[in-house]
């Protein structure tokens, strides 16, 4: 196959489609995050950066080393707010929560009360 011009259309032919495959992977990661967290309406970004470095030989431009960097920007993931009770036990400050009642660290369930009769 003869030389091809470096452009977006021909990138799929370079190195058996490695760049195209990396692009598809980056888009897939951003899309996956949209599918998993549609309630987060923040933008997801896929960025392609072309890095070009001239290579000199005998005082003349011989070639240009070219690379493509892919960056995927996805909003930070965070949980909702949980209420925890601060306690100092044996001189060490800690936080405590109830695993069955994430909004009531001091709450008690029927199962908790059943254990009190022992």
PDB file of N, CA and C in Angstrom:
ATOM      1  N   UNK A   1       0.860  -1.176   0.000  1.00  0.00           N
ATOM      2  CA  UNK A   1       0.000   0.000   0.000  1.00  0.00           C
ATOM      3  C   UNK A   1       0.905   1.238   0.000  1.00  0.00           C
ATOM      4  N   UNK A   2       0.617   2.234  -0.835  1.00  0.00           N
ATOM      5  CA  UNK A   2       1.441   3.443  -0.880  1.00  0.00           C
ATOM      6  C   UNK A   2       1.212   4.316   0.355  1.00  0.00           C
ATOM      7  N   UNK A   3       2.062   5.315   0.513  1.00  0.00           N
ATOM      8  CA  UNK A   3       1.916   6.259   1.614  1.00  0.00           C
ATOM      9  C   UNK A   3       0.535   6.898   1.581  1.00  0.00           C
ATOM     10  N   UNK A   4       0.063   7.250   2.781  1.00  0.00           N
ATOM     11  CA  UNK A   4      -1.211   7.951   2.881  1.00  0.00           C
ATOM     12  C   UNK A   4      -0.982   9.242   3.651  1.00  0.00           C
ATOM     13  N   UNK A   5      -1.790  10.225   3.348  1.00  0.00           N
ATOM     14  CA  UNK A   5      -1.715  11.501   4.062  1.00  0.00           C
ATOM     15  C   UNK A   5      -2.212  11.311   5.489  1.00  0.00           C
ATOM     16  N   UNK A   6      -1.539  11.977   6.422  1.00  0.00           N
ATOM     17  CA  UNK A   6      -1.941  11.959   7.825  1.00  0.00           C
ATOM     18  C   UNK A   6      -3.142  12.886   7.982  1.00  0.00           C
ATOM     19  N   UNK A   7      -4.319  12.308   8.141  1.00  0.00           N
ATOM     20  CA  UNK A   7      -5.533  13.074   8.401  1.00  0.00           C
ATOM     21  C   UNK A   7      -6.502  12.177   9.177  1.00  0.00           C
ATOM     22  N   UNK A   8      -7.579  12.758   9.634  1.00  0.00           N
ATOM     23  CA  UNK A   8      -8.521  11.986  10.452  1.00  0.00           C
ATOM     24  C   UNK A   8      -9.107  10.801   9.699  1.00  0.00           C
ATOM     25  N   UNK A   9      -9.383  10.985   8.435  1.00  0.00           N
ATOM     26  CA  UNK A   9      -9.957   9.907   7.638  1.00  0.00           C
ATOM     27  C   UNK A   9      -9.016   8.708   7.543  1.00  0.00           C
ATOM     28  N   UNK A  10      -7.724   8.964   7.399  1.00  0.00           N
ATOM     29  CA  UNK A  10      -6.756   7.888   7.199  1.00  0.00           C
ATOM     30  C   UNK A  10      -6.179   7.315   8.494  1.00  0.00           C
ATOM     31  N   UNK A  11      -6.482   7.924   9.622  1.00  0.00           N
ATOM     32  CA  UNK A  11      -5.939   7.418  10.891  1.00  0.00           C
ATOM     33  C   UNK A  11      -6.314   5.960  11.128  1.00  0.00           C
ATOM     34  N   UNK A  12      -7.459   5.543  10.635  1.00  0.00           N
ATOM     35  CA  UNK A  12      -7.891   4.156  10.847  1.00  0.00           C
ATOM     36  C   UNK A  12      -6.955   3.156  10.176  1.00  0.00           C
ATOM     37  N   UNK A  13      -6.148   3.614   9.218  1.00  0.00           N
ATOM     38  CA  UNK A  13      -5.239   2.719   8.503  1.00  0.00           C
ATOM     39  C   UNK A  13      -3.852   2.643   9.142  1.00  0.00           C
ATOM     40  N   UNK A  14      -3.552   3.522  10.064  1.00  0.00           N
ATOM     41  CA  UNK A  14      -2.225   3.560  10.679  1.00  0.00           C
ATOM     42  C   UNK A  14      -2.077   2.448  11.712  1.00  0.00           C
ATOM     43  N   UNK A  15      -1.028   1.668  11.600  1.00  0.00           N
ATOM     44  CA  UNK A  15      -0.688   0.622  12.573  1.00  0.00           C
ATOM     45  C   UNK A  15      -1.870  -0.312  12.860  1.00  0.00           C
ATOM     46  N   UNK A  16      -2.502  -0.765  11.796  1.00  0.00           N
ATOM     47  CA  UNK A  16      -3.609  -1.723  11.890  1.00  0.00           C
ATOM     48  C   UNK A  16      -4.772  -1.211  12.744  1.00  0.00           C
ATOM     49  N   UNK A  17      -4.998   0.104  12.735  1.00  0.00           N
ATOM     50  CA  UNK A  17      -6.150   0.679  13.425  1.00  0.00           C
ATOM     51  C   UNK A  17      -5.976   0.928  14.911  1.00  0.00           C
ATOM     52  N   UNK A  18      -4.734   0.970  15.390  1.00  0.00           N
ATOM     53  CA  UNK A  18      -4.494   1.158  16.825  1.00  0.00           C
ATOM     54  C   UNK A  18      -5.094   2.473  17.329  1.00  0.00           C
ATOM     55  N   UNK A  19      -4.906   3.551  16.578  1.00  0.00           N
ATOM     56  CA  UNK A  19      -5.421   4.855  17.020  1.00  0.00           C
ATOM     57  C   UNK A  19      -6.944   4.841  17.031  1.00  0.00           C
ATOM     58  N   UNK A  20      -7.553   4.302  16.005  1.00  0.00           N
ATOM     59  CA  UNK A  20      -9.012   4.214  15.961  1.00  0.00           C
ATOM     60  C   UNK A  20      -9.543   3.382  17.125  1.00  0.00           C
ATOM     61  N   UNK A  21      -8.865   2.287  17.430  1.00  0.00           N
ATOM     62  CA  UNK A  21      -9.277   1.432  18.547  1.00  0.00           C
ATOM     63  C   UNK A  21      -9.178   2.182  19.874  1.00  0.00           C
ATOM     64  N   UNK A  22      -8.103   2.944  20.057  1.00  0.00           N
ATOM     65  CA  UNK A  22      -7.938   3.728  21.292  1.00  0.00           C
ATOM     66  C   UNK A  22      -9.019   4.804  21.392  1.00  0.00           C
ATOM     67  N   UNK A  23      -9.355   5.414  20.265  1.00  0.00           N
ATOM     68  CA  UNK A  23     -10.425   6.413  20.248  1.00  0.00           C
ATOM     69  C   UNK A  23     -11.759   5.780  20.637  1.00  0.00           C
ATOM     70  N   UNK A  24     -12.067   4.636  20.052  1.00  0.00           N
ATOM     71  CA  UNK A  24     -13.319   3.956  20.377  1.00  0.00           C
ATOM     72  C   UNK A  24     -13.379   3.582  21.860  1.00  0.00           C
ATOM     73  N   UNK A  25     -12.236   3.168  22.419  1.00  0.00           N
ATOM     74  CA  UNK A  25     -12.184   2.831  23.841  1.00  0.00           C
ATOM     75  C   UNK A  25     -12.461   4.061  24.703  1.00  0.00           C
ATOM     76  N   UNK A  26     -11.868   5.200  24.339  1.00  0.00           N
ATOM     77  CA  UNK A  26     -12.079   6.434  25.097  1.00  0.00           C
ATOM     78  C   UNK A  26     -13.548   6.860  25.044  1.00  0.00           C
ATOM     79  N   UNK A  27     -14.149   6.794  23.872  1.00  0.00           N
ATOM     80  CA  UNK A  27     -15.567   7.148  23.730  1.00  0.00           C
ATOM     81  C   UNK A  27     -16.434   6.170  24.518  1.00  0.00           C
ATOM     82  N   UNK A  28     -16.061   4.910  24.500  1.00  0.00           N
ATOM     83  CA  UNK A  28     -16.808   3.893  25.243  1.00  0.00           C
ATOM     84  C   UNK A  28     -16.776   4.157  26.745  1.00  0.00           C
ATOM     85  N   UNK A  29     -15.600   4.558  27.267  1.00  0.00           N
ATOM     86  CA  UNK A  29     -15.501   4.862  28.704  1.00  0.00           C
ATOM     87  C   UNK A  29     -16.386   6.034  29.082  1.00  0.00           C
ATOM     88  N   UNK A  30     -16.396   7.076  28.267  1.00  0.00           N
ATOM     89  CA  UNK A  30     -17.234   8.241  28.562  1.00  0.00           C
ATOM     90  C   UNK A  30     -18.717   7.876  28.450  1.00  0.00           C
ATOM     91  N   UNK A  31     -19.063   7.097  27.434  1.00  0.00           N
ATOM     92  CA  UNK A  31     -20.450   6.673  27.242  1.00  0.00           C
ATOM     93  C   UNK A  31     -20.913   5.785  28.391  1.00  0.00           C
ATOM     94  N   UNK A  32     -20.042   4.878  28.815  1.00  0.00           N
ATOM     95  CA  UNK A  32     -20.368   3.980  29.925  1.00  0.00           C
ATOM     96  C   UNK A  32     -20.687   4.771  31.188  1.00  0.00           C
ATOM     97  N   UNK A  33     -19.914   5.819  31.446  1.00  0.00           N
ATOM     98  CA  UNK A  33     -20.178   6.634  32.632  1.00  0.00           C
ATOM     99  C   UNK A  33     -21.527   7.333  32.504  1.00  0.00           C
ATOM    100  N   UNK A  34     -21.877   7.794  31.314  1.00  0.00           N
ATOM    101  CA  UNK A  34     -23.193   8.414  31.102  1.00  0.00           C
ATOM    102  C   UNK A  34     -24.314   7.405  31.373  1.00  0.00           C
ATOM    103  N   UNK A  35     -24.117   6.170  30.927  1.00  0.00           N
ATOM    104  CA  UNK A  35     -25.131   5.136  31.139  1.00  0.00           C
ATOM    105  C   UNK A  35     -25.253   4.769  32.615  1.00  0.00           C
ATOM    106  N   UNK A  36     -24.120   4.737  33.327  1.00  0.00           N
ATOM    107  CA  UNK A  36     -24.129   4.346  34.737  1.00  0.00           C
ATOM    108  C   UNK A  36     -24.626   5.465  35.645  1.00  0.00           C
ATOM    109  N   UNK A  37     -24.393   6.725  35.237  1.00  0.00           N
ATOM    110  CA  UNK A  37     -24.755   7.854  36.105  1.00  0.00           C
ATOM    111  C   UNK A  37     -25.460   8.948  35.303  1.00  0.00           C
ATOM    112  N   UNK A  38     -26.622   8.654  34.720  1.00  0.00           N
ATOM    113  CA  UNK A  38     -27.303   9.676  33.922  1.00  0.00           C
ATOM    114  C   UNK A  38     -27.770  10.870  34.745  1.00  0.00           C
ATOM    115  N   UNK A  39     -27.915  10.680  36.051  1.00  0.00           N
ATOM    116  CA  UNK A  39     -28.360  11.796  36.899  1.00  0.00           C
ATOM    117  C   UNK A  39     -27.276  12.860  37.055  1.00  0.00           C
ATOM    118  N   UNK A  40     -26.008  12.499  36.820  1.00  0.00           N
ATOM    119  CA  UNK A  40     -24.923  13.478  36.853  1.00  0.00           C
ATOM    120  C   UNK A  40     -24.849  14.113  35.472  1.00  0.00           C
ATOM    121  N   UNK A  41     -25.376  15.304  35.361  1.00  0.00           N
ATOM    122  CA  UNK A  41     -25.508  15.953  34.066  1.00  0.00           C
ATOM    123  C   UNK A  41     -24.244  16.705  33.646  1.00  0.00           C
ATOM    124  N   UNK A  42     -23.147  16.497  34.365  1.00  0.00           N
ATOM    125  CA  UNK A  42     -21.877  17.116  33.993  1.00  0.00           C
ATOM    126  C   UNK A  42     -21.382  16.537  32.674  1.00  0.00           C
ATOM    127  N   UNK A  43     -20.626  17.339  31.955  1.00  0.00           N
ATOM    128  CA  UNK A  43     -20.096  16.901  30.658  1.00  0.00           C
ATOM    129  C   UNK A  43     -18.990  15.863  30.841  1.00  0.00           C
ATOM    130  N   UNK A  44     -18.965  14.914  29.944  1.00  0.00           N
ATOM    131  CA  UNK A  44     -17.857  13.971  29.820  1.00  0.00           C
ATOM    132  C   UNK A  44     -17.074  14.429  28.589  1.00  0.00           C
ATOM    133  N   UNK A  45     -15.752  14.352  28.653  1.00  0.00           N
ATOM    134  CA  UNK A  45     -14.945  14.833  27.535  1.00  0.00           C
ATOM    135  C   UNK A  45     -13.977  13.758  27.064  1.00  0.00           C
ATOM    136  N   UNK A  46     -13.853  13.643  25.753  1.00  0.00           N
ATOM    137  CA  UNK A  46     -12.823  12.807  25.144  1.00  0.00           C
ATOM    138  C   UNK A  46     -11.943  13.763  24.347  1.00  0.00           C
ATOM    139  N   UNK A  47     -10.669  13.794  24.688  1.00  0.00           N
ATOM    140  CA  UNK A  47      -9.746  14.721  24.049  1.00  0.00           C
ATOM    141  C   UNK A  47      -8.648  13.954  23.330  1.00  0.00           C
ATOM    142  N   UNK A  48      -8.423  14.314  22.079  1.00  0.00           N
ATOM    143  CA  UNK A  48      -7.306  13.773  21.311  1.00  0.00           C
ATOM    144  C   UNK A  48      -6.288  14.894  21.184  1.00  0.00           C
ATOM    145  N   UNK A  49      -5.069  14.612  21.534  1.00  0.00           N
ATOM    146  CA  UNK A  49      -3.997  15.589  21.401  1.00  0.00           C
ATOM    147  C   UNK A  49      -2.923  14.990  20.510  1.00  0.00           C
ATOM    148  N   UNK A  50      -2.583  15.708  19.475  1.00  0.00           N
ATOM    149  CA  UNK A  50      -1.538  15.261  18.567  1.00  0.00           C
ATOM    150  C   UNK A  50      -0.235  15.928  18.975  1.00  0.00           C
ATOM    151  N   UNK A  51       0.787  15.126  19.238  1.00  0.00           N
ATOM    152  CA  UNK A  51       2.099  15.613  19.644  1.00  0.00           C
ATOM    153  C   UNK A  51       3.050  15.391  18.480  1.00  0.00           C
ATOM    154  N   UNK A  52       3.656  16.466  18.023  1.00  0.00           N
ATOM    155  CA  UNK A  52       4.532  16.383  16.846  1.00  0.00           C
ATOM    156  C   UNK A  52       5.907  16.952  17.197  1.00  0.00           C
ATOM    157  N   UNK A  53       6.944  16.144  16.971  1.00  0.00           N
ATOM    158  CA  UNK A  53       8.313  16.546  17.307  1.00  0.00           C
ATOM    159  C   UNK A  53       9.198  16.395  16.062  1.00  0.00           C
ATOM    160  N   UNK A  54       9.793  17.506  15.617  1.00  0.00           N
ATOM    161  CA  UNK A  54      10.658  17.417  14.437  1.00  0.00           C
ATOM    162  C   UNK A  54      11.943  16.646  14.742  1.00  0.00           C
ATOM    163  N   UNK A  55      12.357  15.829  13.785  1.00  0.00           N
ATOM    164  CA  UNK A  55      13.595  15.057  13.899  1.00  0.00           C
ATOM    165  C   UNK A  55      14.551  15.556  12.814  1.00  0.00           C
ATOM    166  N   UNK A  56      15.688  16.045  13.260  1.00  0.00           N
ATOM    167  CA  UNK A  56      16.685  16.599  12.342  1.00  0.00           C
ATOM    168  C   UNK A  56      17.721  15.538  11.987  1.00  0.00           C
ATOM    169  N   UNK A  57      18.235  15.630  10.771  1.00  0.00           N
ATOM    170  CA  UNK A  57      19.304  14.742  10.324  1.00  0.00           C
ATOM    171  C   UNK A  57      20.208  15.558   9.393  1.00  0.00           C
ATOM    172  N   UNK A  58      21.465  15.661   9.773  1.00  0.00           N
ATOM    173  CA  UNK A  58      22.433  16.440   8.992  1.00  0.00           C
ATOM    174  C   UNK A  58      21.976  17.877   8.776  1.00  0.00           C
ATOM    175  N   UNK A  59      21.358  18.477   9.811  1.00  0.00           N
ATOM    176  CA  UNK A  59      20.941  19.870   9.730  1.00  0.00           C
ATOM    177  C   UNK A  59      19.640  20.113   8.996  1.00  0.00           C
ATOM    178  N   UNK A  60      18.990  19.068   8.531  1.00  0.00           N
ATOM    179  CA  UNK A  60      17.728  19.220   7.807  1.00  0.00           C
ATOM    180  C   UNK A  60      16.623  18.432   8.515  1.00  0.00           C
ATOM    181  N   UNK A  61      15.394  18.845   8.295  1.00  0.00           N
ATOM    182  CA  UNK A  61      14.258  18.106   8.830  1.00  0.00           C
ATOM    183  C   UNK A  61      14.173  16.761   8.125  1.00  0.00           C
ATOM    184  N   UNK A  62      14.272  15.683   8.895  1.00  0.00           N
ATOM    185  CA  UNK A  62      14.227  14.334   8.340  1.00  0.00           C
ATOM    186  C   UNK A  62      12.824  13.744   8.428  1.00  0.00           C
ATOM    187  N   UNK A  63      12.198  13.902   9.587  1.00  0.00           N
ATOM    188  CA  UNK A  63      10.862  13.354   9.805  1.00  0.00           C
ATOM    189  C   UNK A  63      10.232  14.076  10.984  1.00  0.00           C
ATOM    190  N   UNK A  64       9.002  13.741  11.242  1.00  0.00           N
ATOM    191  CA  UNK A  64       8.301  14.305  12.399  1.00  0.00           C
ATOM    192  C   UNK A  64       7.705  13.141  13.182  1.00  0.00           C
ATOM    193  N   UNK A  65       8.230  12.921  14.398  1.00  0.00           N
ATOM    194  CA  UNK A  65       7.659  11.898  15.265  1.00  0.00           C
ATOM    195  C   UNK A  65       6.303  12.399  15.749  1.00  0.00           C
ATOM    196  N   UNK A  66       5.302  11.573  15.568  1.00  0.00           N
ATOM    197  CA  UNK A  66       3.937  11.982  15.884  1.00  0.00           C
ATOM    198  C   UNK A  66       3.289  10.936  16.784  1.00  0.00           C
ATOM    199  N   UNK A  67       2.641  11.404  17.823  1.00  0.00           N
ATOM    200  CA  UNK A  67       1.913  10.527  18.743  1.00  0.00           C
ATOM    201  C   UNK A  67       0.536  11.130  18.986  1.00  0.00           C
ATOM    202  N   UNK A  68      -0.377  10.306  19.439  1.00  0.00           N
ATOM    203  CA  UNK A  68      -1.716  10.773  19.778  1.00  0.00           C
ATOM    204  C   UNK A  68      -1.977  10.403  21.237  1.00  0.00           C
ATOM    205  N   UNK A  69      -2.282  11.408  22.039  1.00  0.00           N
ATOM    206  CA  UNK A  69      -2.670  11.184  23.432  1.00  0.00           C
ATOM    207  C   UNK A  69      -4.189  11.257  23.523  1.00  0.00           C
ATOM    208  N   UNK A  70      -4.766  10.333  24.279  1.00  0.00           N
ATOM    209  CA  UNK A  70      -6.202  10.329  24.514  1.00  0.00           C
ATOM    210  C   UNK A  70      -6.432  10.616  25.988  1.00  0.00           C
ATOM    211  N   UNK A  71      -7.362  11.491  26.266  1.00  0.00           N
ATOM    212  CA  UNK A  71      -7.733  11.781  27.651  1.00  0.00           C
ATOM    213  C   UNK A  71      -9.248  11.694  27.755  1.00  0.00           C
ATOM    214  N   UNK A  72      -9.703  11.031  28.791  1.00  0.00           N
ATOM    215  CA  UNK A  72     -11.136  10.944  29.058  1.00  0.00           C
ATOM    216  C   UNK A  72     -11.378  11.644  30.388  1.00  0.00           C
ATOM    217  N   UNK A  73     -12.232  12.629  30.374  1.00  0.00           N
ATOM    218  CA  UNK A  73     -12.562  13.371  31.586  1.00  0.00           C
ATOM    219  C   UNK A  73     -13.977  13.000  32.010  1.00  0.00           C
ATOM    220  N   UNK A  74     -14.054  12.416  33.193  1.00  0.00           N
ATOM    221  CA  UNK A  74     -15.333  11.960  33.743  1.00  0.00           C
ATOM    222  C   UNK A  74     -15.513  12.644  35.097  1.00  0.00           C
ATOM    223  N   UNK A  75     -16.717  13.130  35.400  1.00  0.00           N
ATOM    224  CA  UNK A  75     -16.930  13.781  36.698  1.00  0.00           C
ATOM    225  C   UNK A  75     -16.561  12.861  37.862  1.00  0.00           C
ATOM    226  N   UNK A  76     -16.065  13.450  38.916  1.00  0.00           N
ATOM    227  CA  UNK A  76     -15.737  12.669  40.110  1.00  0.00           C
ATOM    228  C   UNK A  76     -16.980  11.963  40.619  1.00  0.00           C
ATOM    229  N   UNK A  77     -16.767  10.776  41.144  1.00  0.00           N
ATOM    230  CA  UNK A  77     -17.875  10.037  41.735  1.00  0.00           C
ATOM    231  C   UNK A  77     -17.885  10.290  43.234  1.00  0.00           C
ATOM    232  N   UNK A  78     -19.069  10.459  43.770  1.00  0.00           N
ATOM    233  CA  UNK A  78     -19.182  10.655  45.213  1.00  0.00           C
ATOM    234  C   UNK A  78     -20.490  10.042  45.694  1.00  0.00           C
ATOM    235  N   UNK A  79     -20.517   9.721  46.967  1.00  0.00           N
ATOM    236  CA  UNK A  79     -21.716   9.134  47.557  1.00  0.00           C
ATOM    237  C   UNK A  79     -22.612  10.241  48.095  1.00  0.00           C
ATOM    238  N   UNK A  80     -23.750   9.855  48.550  1.00  0.00           N
ATOM    239  CA  UNK A  80     -24.600  10.809  49.250  1.00  0.00           C
ATOM    240  C   UNK A  80     -24.010  11.056  50.628  1.00  0.00           C
ATOM    241  N   UNK A  81     -24.561  11.963  51.377  1.00  0.00           N
ATOM    242  CA  UNK A  81     -24.068  12.286  52.717  1.00  0.00           C
ATOM    243  C   UNK A  81     -24.661  11.309  53.723  1.00  0.00           C
ATOM    244  N   UNK A  82     -23.806  10.772  54.579  1.00  0.00           N
ATOM    245  CA  UNK A  82     -24.225   9.863  55.640  1.00  0.00           C
ATOM    246  C   UNK A  82     -24.015  10.545  56.982  1.00  0.00           C
ATOM    247  N   UNK A  83     -24.970  10.380  57.890  1.00  0.00           N
ATOM    248  CA  UNK A  83     -24.869  10.945  59.221  1.00  0.00           C
ATOM    249  C   UNK A  83     -24.118   9.965  60.123  1.00  0.00           C
ATOM    250  N   UNK A  84     -23.069  10.445  60.768  1.00  0.00           N
ATOM    251  CA  UNK A  84     -22.264   9.595  61.654  1.00  0.00           C
ATOM    252  C   UNK A  84     -22.099  10.260  63.009  1.00  0.00           C
ATOM    253  N   UNK A  85     -21.991   9.433  64.018  1.00  0.00           N
ATOM    254  CA  UNK A  85     -21.849   9.930  65.379  1.00  0.00           C
ATOM    255  C   UNK A  85     -20.370   9.967  65.761  1.00  0.00           C
ATOM    256  N   UNK A  86     -19.881  11.140  66.167  1.00  0.00           N
ATOM    257  CA  UNK A  86     -18.500  11.201  66.638  1.00  0.00           C
ATOM    258  C   UNK A  86     -18.405  10.698  68.083  1.00  0.00           C
ATOM    259  N   UNK A  87     -17.414   9.866  68.349  1.00  0.00           N
ATOM    260  CA  UNK A  87     -17.180   9.349  69.704  1.00  0.00           C
ATOM    261  C   UNK A  87     -15.675   9.315  69.936  1.00  0.00           C
ATOM    262  N   UNK A  88     -15.304   9.450  71.173  1.00  0.00           N
ATOM    263  CA  UNK A  88     -13.915   9.240  71.551  1.00  0.00           C
ATOM    264  C   UNK A  88     -13.888   8.006  72.433  1.00  0.00           C
ATOM    265  N   UNK A  89     -13.217   6.971  71.935  1.00  0.00           N
ATOM    266  CA  UNK A  89     -13.121   5.708  72.659  1.00  0.00           C
ATOM    267  C   UNK A  89     -11.647   5.446  72.913  1.00  0.00           C
ATOM    268  N   UNK A  90     -11.303   5.245  74.184  1.00  0.00           N
ATOM    269  CA  UNK A  90      -9.910   5.006  74.594  1.00  0.00           C
ATOM    270  C   UNK A  90      -9.004   6.120  74.087  1.00  0.00           C
ATOM    271  N   UNK A  91      -9.522   7.365  74.128  1.00  0.00           N
ATOM    272  CA  UNK A  91      -8.726   8.517  73.730  1.00  0.00           C
ATOM    273  C   UNK A  91      -8.583   8.717  72.231  1.00  0.00           C
ATOM    274  N   UNK A  92      -9.261   7.882  71.430  1.00  0.00           N
ATOM    275  CA  UNK A  92      -9.135   7.989  69.977  1.00  0.00           C
ATOM    276  C   UNK A  92     -10.477   8.421  69.373  1.00  0.00           C
ATOM    277  N   UNK A  93     -10.509   9.590  68.714  1.00  0.00           N
ATOM    278  CA  UNK A  93     -11.742  10.032  68.068  1.00  0.00           C
ATOM    279  C   UNK A  93     -12.057   9.166  66.846  1.00  0.00           C
ATOM    280  N   UNK A  94     -13.316   8.774  66.733  1.00  0.00           N
ATOM    281  CA  UNK A  94     -13.759   7.944  65.617  1.00  0.00           C
ATOM    282  C   UNK A  94     -15.171   8.322  65.235  1.00  0.00           C
ATOM    283  N   UNK A  95     -15.607   7.846  64.086  1.00  0.00           N
ATOM    284  CA  UNK A  95     -16.977   8.026  63.632  1.00  0.00           C
ATOM    285  C   UNK A  95     -17.682   6.682  63.641  1.00  0.00           C
ATOM    286  N   UNK A  96     -18.970   6.707  64.018  1.00  0.00           N
ATOM    287  CA  UNK A  96     -19.767   5.484  64.093  1.00  0.00           C
ATOM    288  C   UNK A  96     -21.060   5.648  63.313  1.00  0.00           C
ATOM    289  N   UNK A  97     -21.515   4.542  62.713  1.00  0.00           N
ATOM    290  CA  UNK A  97     -22.753   4.552  61.951  1.00  0.00           C
ATOM    291  C   UNK A  97     -23.496   3.248  62.217  1.00  0.00           C
ATOM    292  N   UNK A  98     -24.773   3.252  61.892  1.00  0.00           N
ATOM    293  CA  UNK A  98     -25.578   2.038  61.990  1.00  0.00           C
ATOM    294  C   UNK A  98     -25.715   1.490  60.571  1.00  0.00           C
ATOM    295  N   UNK A  99     -25.259   0.262  60.314  1.00  0.00           N
ATOM    296  CA  UNK A  99     -25.268  -0.258  58.945  1.00  0.00           C
ATOM    297  C   UNK A  99     -26.665  -0.392  58.335  1.00  0.00           C
ATOM    298  N   UNK A 100     -27.688  -0.575  59.152  1.00  0.00           N
ATOM    299  CA  UNK A 100     -29.044  -0.718  58.630  1.00  0.00           C
ATOM    300  C   UNK A 100     -29.800   0.609  58.570  1.00  0.00           C
ATOM    301  N   UNK A 101     -29.286   1.623  59.224  1.00  0.00           N
ATOM    302  CA  UNK A 101     -29.950   2.933  59.271  1.00  0.00           C
ATOM    303  C   UNK A 101     -28.920   4.026  58.948  1.00  0.00           C
ATOM    304  N   UNK A 102     -28.557   4.193  57.675  1.00  0.00           N
ATOM    305  CA  UNK A 102     -27.478   5.113  57.327  1.00  0.00           C
ATOM    306  C   UNK A 102     -27.753   6.573  57.672  1.00  0.00           C
ATOM    307  N   UNK A 103     -29.010   6.954  57.905  1.00  0.00           N
ATOM    308  CA  UNK A 103     -29.325   8.334  58.270  1.00  0.00           C
ATOM    309  C   UNK A 103     -29.518   8.522  59.767  1.00  0.00           C
ATOM    310  N   UNK A 104     -29.428   7.439  60.539  1.00  0.00           N
ATOM    311  CA  UNK A 104     -29.647   7.509  61.983  1.00  0.00           C
ATOM    312  C   UNK A 104     -28.542   6.739  62.713  1.00  0.00           C
ATOM    313  N   UNK A 105     -27.420   7.367  62.964  1.00  0.00           N
ATOM    314  CA  UNK A 105     -26.322   6.634  63.595  1.00  0.00           C
ATOM    315  C   UNK A 105     -26.660   6.124  64.992  1.00  0.00           C
ATOM    316  N   UNK A 106     -27.584   6.777  65.667  1.00  0.00           N
ATOM    317  CA  UNK A 106     -27.980   6.355  67.016  1.00  0.00           C
ATOM    318  C   UNK A 106     -29.240   5.504  67.015  1.00  0.00           C
ATOM    319  N   UNK A 107     -29.789   5.230  65.828  1.00  0.00           N
ATOM    320  CA  UNK A 107     -31.025   4.483  65.727  1.00  0.00           C
ATOM    321  C   UNK A 107     -30.851   3.021  66.111  1.00  0.00           C
ATOM    322  N   UNK A 108     -31.981   2.367  66.263  1.00  0.00           N
ATOM    323  CA  UNK A 108     -31.980   0.943  66.596  1.00  0.00           C
ATOM    324  C   UNK A 108     -33.100   0.263  65.817  1.00  0.00           C
ATOM    325  N   UNK A 109     -32.831  -0.935  65.369  1.00  0.00           N
ATOM    326  CA  UNK A 109     -33.846  -1.718  64.660  1.00  0.00           C
ATOM    327  C   UNK A 109     -34.436  -2.740  65.619  1.00  0.00           C
ATOM    328  N   UNK A 110     -35.446  -3.437  65.174  1.00  0.00           N
ATOM    329  CA  UNK A 110     -36.042  -4.507  65.981  1.00  0.00           C
ATOM    330  C   UNK A 110     -34.983  -5.551  66.312  1.00  0.00           C
ATOM    331  N   UNK A 111     -34.119  -5.855  65.360  1.00  0.00           N
ATOM    332  CA  UNK A 111     -33.067  -6.849  65.588  1.00  0.00           C
ATOM    333  C   UNK A 111     -32.097  -6.381  66.676  1.00  0.00           C
ATOM    334  N   UNK A 112     -31.797  -5.078  66.703  1.00  0.00           N
ATOM    335  CA  UNK A 112     -30.917  -4.538  67.761  1.00  0.00           C
ATOM    336  C   UNK A 112     -31.574  -4.706  69.124  1.00  0.00           C
ATOM    337  N   UNK A 113     -32.853  -4.427  69.193  1.00  0.00           N
ATOM    338  CA  UNK A 113     -33.574  -4.508  70.460  1.00  0.00           C
ATOM    339  C   UNK A 113     -33.720  -5.964  70.899  1.00  0.00           C
ATOM    340  N   UNK A 114     -33.824  -6.901  69.942  1.00  0.00           N
ATOM    341  CA  UNK A 114     -33.957  -8.308  70.279  1.00  0.00           C
ATOM    342  C   UNK A 114     -32.694  -8.802  70.981  1.00  0.00           C
ATOM    343  N   UNK A 115     -31.551  -8.281  70.623  1.00  0.00           N
ATOM    344  CA  UNK A 115     -30.298  -8.676  71.252  1.00  0.00           C
ATOM    345  C   UNK A 115     -30.133  -8.131  72.650  1.00  0.00           C
ATOM    346  N   UNK A 116     -30.935  -7.111  73.012  1.00  0.00           N
ATOM    347  CA  UNK A 116     -30.839  -6.515  74.353  1.00  0.00           C
ATOM    348  C   UNK A 116     -31.418  -7.414  75.418  1.00  0.00           C
ATOM    349  N   UNK A 117     -32.305  -8.347  75.052  1.00  0.00           N
ATOM    350  CA  UNK A 117     -32.963  -9.205  76.046  1.00  0.00           C
ATOM    351  C   UNK A 117     -32.049 -10.287  76.564  1.00  0.00           C
ATOM    352  N   UNK A 118     -30.914 -10.541  75.904  1.00  0.00           N
ATOM    353  CA  UNK A 118     -30.019 -11.632  76.299  1.00  0.00           C
ATOM    354  C   UNK A 118     -29.347 -11.352  77.612  1.00  0.00           C
TER     355      UNK A 118
END
